[in-house]
Amino acid sequence: KHAFLAQWAQTLDYFQKEAMVEAFYSGDTTEAVRLNILERYRVEYVFWGPAERSIGDFDPTQASFLEPVFTSELVQLFRVQR
């Protein structure tokens, strides 16, 4: 497995992917757009921690296409349901 967005020098198309991550976690983004990003890049897991919460008000616990697989006090990990 590999990260969709990591350190800028080691991520292909970093700035484009950074914009997609910001759109994904934005409350203004539609479910269709989120699903498109996940499918296009074959994303299997979505991480939700303090940094992701600070981006926007999207709540992955309410997404029908995400299943929680790990929860701690600070972070949650979700599996993408196809």
Protein backbone atom coordinates (compact mmCIF):
# COMPACT_ATOMS: atom_id res chain seq x y z
CA LYS A 1 0.00 0.00 0.00
CA HIS A 2 1.10 3.56 -0.53
CA ALA A 3 -0.08 6.99 0.53
CA PHE A 4 -2.12 9.09 -1.86
CA LEU A 5 -0.49 12.29 -0.55
CA ALA A 6 2.81 12.36 1.31
CA GLN A 7 5.95 14.50 1.29
CA TRP A 8 5.90 16.90 -1.69
CA ALA A 9 9.17 15.73 -3.22
CA GLN A 10 8.11 12.08 -3.13
CA THR A 11 4.52 12.42 -4.37
CA LEU A 12 3.81 12.45 -8.08
CA ASP A 13 1.51 15.40 -8.96
CA TYR A 14 1.73 16.62 -5.37
CA PHE A 15 -0.07 19.95 -5.79
CA GLN A 16 -2.90 18.43 -7.82
CA LYS A 17 -3.36 15.70 -5.20
CA GLU A 18 -3.19 18.23 -2.38
CA ALA A 19 -6.08 20.11 -3.99
CA MET A 20 -8.05 16.86 -4.31
CA VAL A 21 -7.50 16.06 -0.63
CA GLU A 22 -8.73 19.53 0.32
CA ALA A 23 -11.78 19.06 -1.90
CA PHE A 24 -12.43 15.57 -0.49
CA TYR A 25 -12.61 16.82 3.11
CA SER A 26 -14.53 20.01 2.26
CA GLY A 27 -18.15 20.06 3.32
CA ASP A 28 -19.08 21.65 0.00
CA THR A 29 -17.92 18.66 -2.06
CA THR A 30 -20.56 16.25 -3.34
CA GLU A 31 -20.51 12.55 -2.63
CA ALA A 32 -20.15 11.91 -6.37
CA VAL A 33 -16.92 13.93 -6.50
CA ARG A 34 -15.54 12.12 -3.46
CA LEU A 35 -16.38 8.74 -4.97
CA ASN A 36 -14.78 9.78 -8.25
CA ILE A 37 -11.50 10.60 -6.50
CA LEU A 38 -11.54 7.31 -4.58
CA GLU A 39 -12.31 5.24 -7.66
CA ARG A 40 -9.99 7.06 -10.05
CA TYR A 41 -6.99 6.56 -7.79
CA ARG A 42 -8.09 3.18 -6.36
CA VAL A 43 -8.00 4.51 -2.80
CA GLU A 44 -8.69 1.69 -0.35
CA TYR A 45 -8.54 3.54 2.99
CA VAL A 46 -9.37 7.05 4.20
CA PHE A 47 -7.56 8.51 7.21
CA TRP A 48 -9.35 11.07 9.39
CA GLY A 49 -7.32 12.85 12.03
CA PRO A 50 -6.82 16.39 13.32
CA ALA A 51 -5.23 17.65 10.08
CA GLU A 52 -8.08 16.27 7.96
CA ARG A 53 -10.71 17.70 10.32
CA SER A 54 -9.08 21.13 10.00
CA ILE A 55 -9.56 21.08 6.22
CA GLY A 56 -13.34 21.03 6.23
CA ASP A 57 -16.48 19.75 7.84
CA PHE A 58 -16.88 16.48 5.93
CA ASP A 59 -17.72 13.70 8.39
CA PRO A 60 -16.67 10.30 7.04
CA THR A 61 -18.70 8.53 9.74
CA GLN A 62 -21.79 9.66 7.81
CA ALA A 63 -20.56 8.45 4.39
CA SER A 64 -22.36 5.35 3.11
CA PHE A 65 -19.27 4.28 1.15
CA LEU A 66 -16.84 4.26 4.11
CA GLU A 67 -16.62 1.57 6.79
CA PRO A 68 -14.72 2.31 10.04
CA VAL A 69 -11.93 -0.21 10.63
CA PHE A 70 -9.88 1.55 13.33
CA THR A 71 -10.72 4.18 15.92
CA SER A 72 -8.62 5.87 18.58
CA GLU A 73 -9.00 9.08 20.57
CA LEU A 74 -7.44 11.16 17.79
CA VAL A 75 -7.88 9.33 14.51
CA GLN A 76 -10.13 7.01 12.56
CA LEU A 77 -9.39 4.82 9.55
CA PHE A 78 -12.09 3.86 7.06
CA ARG A 79 -12.16 1.20 4.36
CA VAL A 80 -13.68 2.29 1.06
CA GLN A 81 -16.69 0.15 0.15
CA ARG A 82 -16.95 -0.57 -3.54
